[in-house]
């Protein structure tokens, strides 16, 4: 690659946050309007900004949207749960583990770019298999669902439905 961020062509485009030179971690209150424009939902944008400012400064916008959804629906979950000791010891860190009857469902938010570069889908599939059956807080991970960024960032493809499906164990492709 030539250093430019390339995205695999899909039927849907992912709205870009136009924040100039800023990273997601440098976003200010002035950028809340840009987030509201992309999400097409000002109250949701405000809730996401509050989560970013108060609890999860390193969370990505898609992760924070899922956090907001899980909180709003009263789901019992853990964010960035460490499995097999987490990254520092060669383990895994799913974005979310959501309590299910008899265990947990892991939900990973998959970015369109990073999770479709050569070799990454194979690693993701291996990590998914490795996670199933792993123990977290004394209960097994029952299954793993990938929730794709474009499903969350595009209100017209049913953001709410995509998150509901992920919690129910229904995975929608990239």
Protein backbone atom coordinates (compact mmCIF):
# COMPACT_ATOMS: atom_id res chain seq x y z
CA UNK A 1 0.00 0.00 0.00
CA UNK A 2 1.12 3.55 -0.61
CA UNK A 3 0.16 4.82 2.85
CA UNK A 4 -3.30 5.91 1.77
CA UNK A 5 -6.30 4.32 3.40
CA UNK A 6 -8.02 2.09 0.88
CA UNK A 7 -11.48 0.67 1.36
CA UNK A 8 -12.85 -2.39 -0.32
CA UNK A 9 -15.67 -1.45 -2.66
CA UNK A 10 -19.08 -2.37 -1.30
CA UNK A 11 -22.64 -1.49 -2.16
CA UNK A 12 -22.68 0.99 0.70
CA UNK A 13 -20.29 3.76 1.54
CA UNK A 14 -19.33 4.61 5.07
CA UNK A 15 -19.95 8.25 5.95
CA UNK A 16 -16.69 9.95 6.84
CA UNK A 17 -16.32 12.21 9.82
CA UNK A 18 -14.70 15.33 8.42
CA UNK A 19 -12.51 16.33 11.34
CA UNK A 20 -9.59 17.67 9.36
CA UNK A 21 -6.27 16.53 10.83
CA UNK A 22 -7.76 15.33 14.12
CA UNK A 23 -7.91 11.74 15.23
CA UNK A 24 -10.99 10.33 16.95
CA UNK A 25 -9.23 11.03 20.27
CA UNK A 26 -8.86 14.77 19.51
CA UNK A 27 -12.53 15.40 18.72
CA UNK A 28 -13.86 18.51 20.45
CA UNK A 29 -17.34 19.76 21.27
CA UNK A 30 -17.26 21.75 18.04
CA UNK A 31 -17.08 18.46 16.18
CA UNK A 32 -20.32 17.22 17.72
CA UNK A 33 -22.25 18.79 14.85
CA UNK A 34 -20.18 16.79 12.35
CA UNK A 35 -20.90 13.60 14.29
CA UNK A 36 -24.62 14.46 14.37
CA UNK A 37 -24.54 15.02 10.61
CA UNK A 38 -22.92 11.65 9.94
CA UNK A 39 -25.19 9.77 12.36
CA UNK A 40 -28.26 11.72 11.22
CA UNK A 41 -29.30 11.83 14.87
CA UNK A 42 -28.31 14.74 17.14
CA UNK A 43 -29.44 13.20 20.49
CA UNK A 44 -27.48 10.03 19.70
CA UNK A 45 -24.41 12.07 18.76
CA UNK A 46 -24.63 13.89 22.11
CA UNK A 47 -24.84 10.62 24.03
CA UNK A 48 -21.85 9.20 22.13
CA UNK A 49 -19.81 12.35 22.82
CA UNK A 50 -20.71 12.12 26.52
CA UNK A 51 -19.53 8.50 26.64
CA UNK A 52 -16.30 9.50 24.91
CA UNK A 53 -15.69 12.40 27.28
CA UNK A 54 -16.63 10.74 30.55
CA UNK A 55 -15.96 7.01 30.39
CA UNK A 56 -14.38 5.77 27.17
CA UNK A 57 -11.95 8.30 25.68
CA UNK A 58 -10.34 5.65 23.46
CA UNK A 59 -13.55 4.07 22.21
CA UNK A 60 -14.27 4.33 18.50
CA UNK A 61 -17.54 5.87 17.35
CA UNK A 62 -18.96 2.45 16.27
CA UNK A 63 -18.02 0.97 19.67
CA UNK A 64 -19.61 3.89 21.49
CA UNK A 65 -22.78 3.51 19.43
CA UNK A 66 -22.95 -0.13 20.55
CA UNK A 67 -22.31 0.89 24.18
CA UNK A 68 -25.20 3.34 23.93
CA UNK A 69 -27.45 0.63 22.46
CA UNK A 70 -26.55 -1.93 25.15
CA UNK A 71 -27.12 0.60 27.95
CA UNK A 72 -30.44 1.73 26.47
CA UNK A 73 -31.67 -1.87 26.26
CA UNK A 74 -30.55 -2.90 29.74
CA UNK A 75 -28.13 -5.57 28.54
CA UNK A 76 -25.53 -6.92 30.96
CA UNK A 77 -22.18 -6.60 29.21
CA UNK A 78 -18.48 -5.94 29.61
CA UNK A 79 -16.54 -3.66 27.26
CA UNK A 80 -13.05 -4.71 26.16
CA UNK A 81 -13.14 -7.96 28.12
CA UNK A 82 -9.81 -9.76 28.37
CA UNK A 83 -9.88 -13.42 27.33
CA UNK A 84 -6.84 -15.66 27.91
CA UNK A 85 -5.11 -12.74 29.64
CA UNK A 86 -5.75 -10.12 26.96
CA UNK A 87 -3.33 -8.79 24.36
CA UNK A 88 -0.36 -8.55 26.72
CA UNK A 89 -0.19 -12.32 27.12
CA UNK A 90 -1.21 -13.43 23.63
CA UNK A 91 -4.90 -13.53 24.49
CA UNK A 92 -7.91 -11.83 22.96
CA UNK A 93 -9.97 -8.75 23.73
CA UNK A 94 -13.46 -8.83 22.23
CA UNK A 95 -15.11 -5.43 22.06
CA UNK A 96 -18.09 -6.68 24.07
CA UNK A 97 -19.21 -9.76 25.92
CA UNK A 98 -22.97 -9.75 26.47
CA UNK A 99 -24.59 -11.98 29.09
CA UNK A 100 -26.72 -14.80 27.66
CA UNK A 101 -28.45 -17.72 29.35
CA UNK A 102 -25.59 -20.01 30.39
CA UNK A 103 -22.71 -17.81 29.26
CA UNK A 104 -21.62 -14.89 27.13
CA UNK A 105 -21.87 -13.80 23.51
CA UNK A 106 -18.80 -11.95 22.24
CA UNK A 107 -19.42 -9.11 19.80
CA UNK A 108 -16.56 -7.61 17.84
CA UNK A 109 -17.00 -4.38 15.92
CA UNK A 110 -15.23 -4.90 12.61
CA UNK A 111 -13.94 -1.89 10.69
CA UNK A 112 -14.38 -2.21 6.94
CA UNK A 113 -10.77 -1.29 6.21
CA UNK A 114 -8.72 -3.10 8.84
CA UNK A 115 -10.70 -6.31 8.87
CA UNK A 116 -10.63 -6.82 5.11
CA UNK A 117 -6.91 -6.29 4.41
CA UNK A 118 -5.13 -9.42 3.12
CA UNK A 119 -4.64 -12.00 5.87
CA UNK A 120 -6.85 -10.29 8.44
CA UNK A 121 -10.08 -12.22 7.68
CA UNK A 122 -8.20 -15.50 8.25
CA UNK A 123 -6.80 -14.24 11.57
CA UNK A 124 -10.24 -12.97 12.60
CA UNK A 125 -11.79 -16.37 11.82
CA UNK A 126 -9.10 -18.13 13.87
CA UNK A 127 -9.59 -15.71 16.78
CA UNK A 128 -13.34 -16.30 16.60
CA UNK A 129 -12.88 -20.08 16.88
CA UNK A 130 -10.36 -19.62 19.69
CA UNK A 131 -12.79 -17.46 21.64
CA UNK A 132 -15.73 -19.91 21.53
CA UNK A 133 -15.72 -21.95 24.72
CA UNK A 134 -13.22 -19.69 26.49
CA UNK A 135 -14.18 -18.85 30.05
CA UNK A 136 -15.00 -15.33 31.14
CA UNK A 137 -15.98 -14.65 34.75
CA UNK A 138 -16.66 -18.35 35.27
CA UNK A 139 -18.96 -18.77 32.26
CA UNK A 140 -18.17 -19.81 28.68
CA UNK A 141 -18.20 -17.67 25.57
CA UNK A 142 -21.05 -19.38 23.70
CA UNK A 143 -20.59 -17.70 20.34
CA UNK A 144 -18.93 -14.76 18.61
CA UNK A 145 -20.63 -12.28 16.30
CA UNK A 146 -18.92 -9.76 14.02
CA UNK A 147 -20.81 -6.48 13.71
CA UNK A 148 -19.52 -4.47 10.76
CA UNK A 149 -18.83 -0.74 10.94
CA UNK A 150 -20.96 0.09 7.91
CA UNK A 151 -24.00 -1.54 9.54
CA UNK A 152 -23.61 0.78 12.52
CA UNK A 153 -22.62 4.00 10.77
CA UNK A 154 -25.42 3.99 8.20
CA UNK A 155 -28.84 4.75 9.63
CA UNK A 156 -30.53 3.86 6.35
CA UNK A 157 -29.44 0.20 6.56
CA UNK A 158 -30.91 -0.17 10.00
CA UNK A 159 -28.35 0.65 12.70
CA UNK A 160 -30.77 -0.37 15.45
CA UNK A 161 -31.69 -3.63 13.70
CA UNK A 162 -28.04 -4.54 13.11
CA UNK A 163 -27.21 -4.08 16.80
CA UNK A 164 -30.32 -5.99 17.86
CA UNK A 165 -29.33 -8.83 15.53
CA UNK A 166 -25.79 -8.93 16.92
CA UNK A 167 -27.09 -9.19 20.50
CA UNK A 168 -29.41 -12.00 19.32
CA UNK A 169 -26.47 -13.83 17.71
CA UNK A 170 -27.35 -13.02 14.10
CA UNK A 171 -24.32 -11.97 12.09
CA UNK A 172 -24.73 -9.86 8.97
CA UNK A 173 -21.88 -9.93 6.45
CA UNK A 174 -19.57 -7.07 5.67
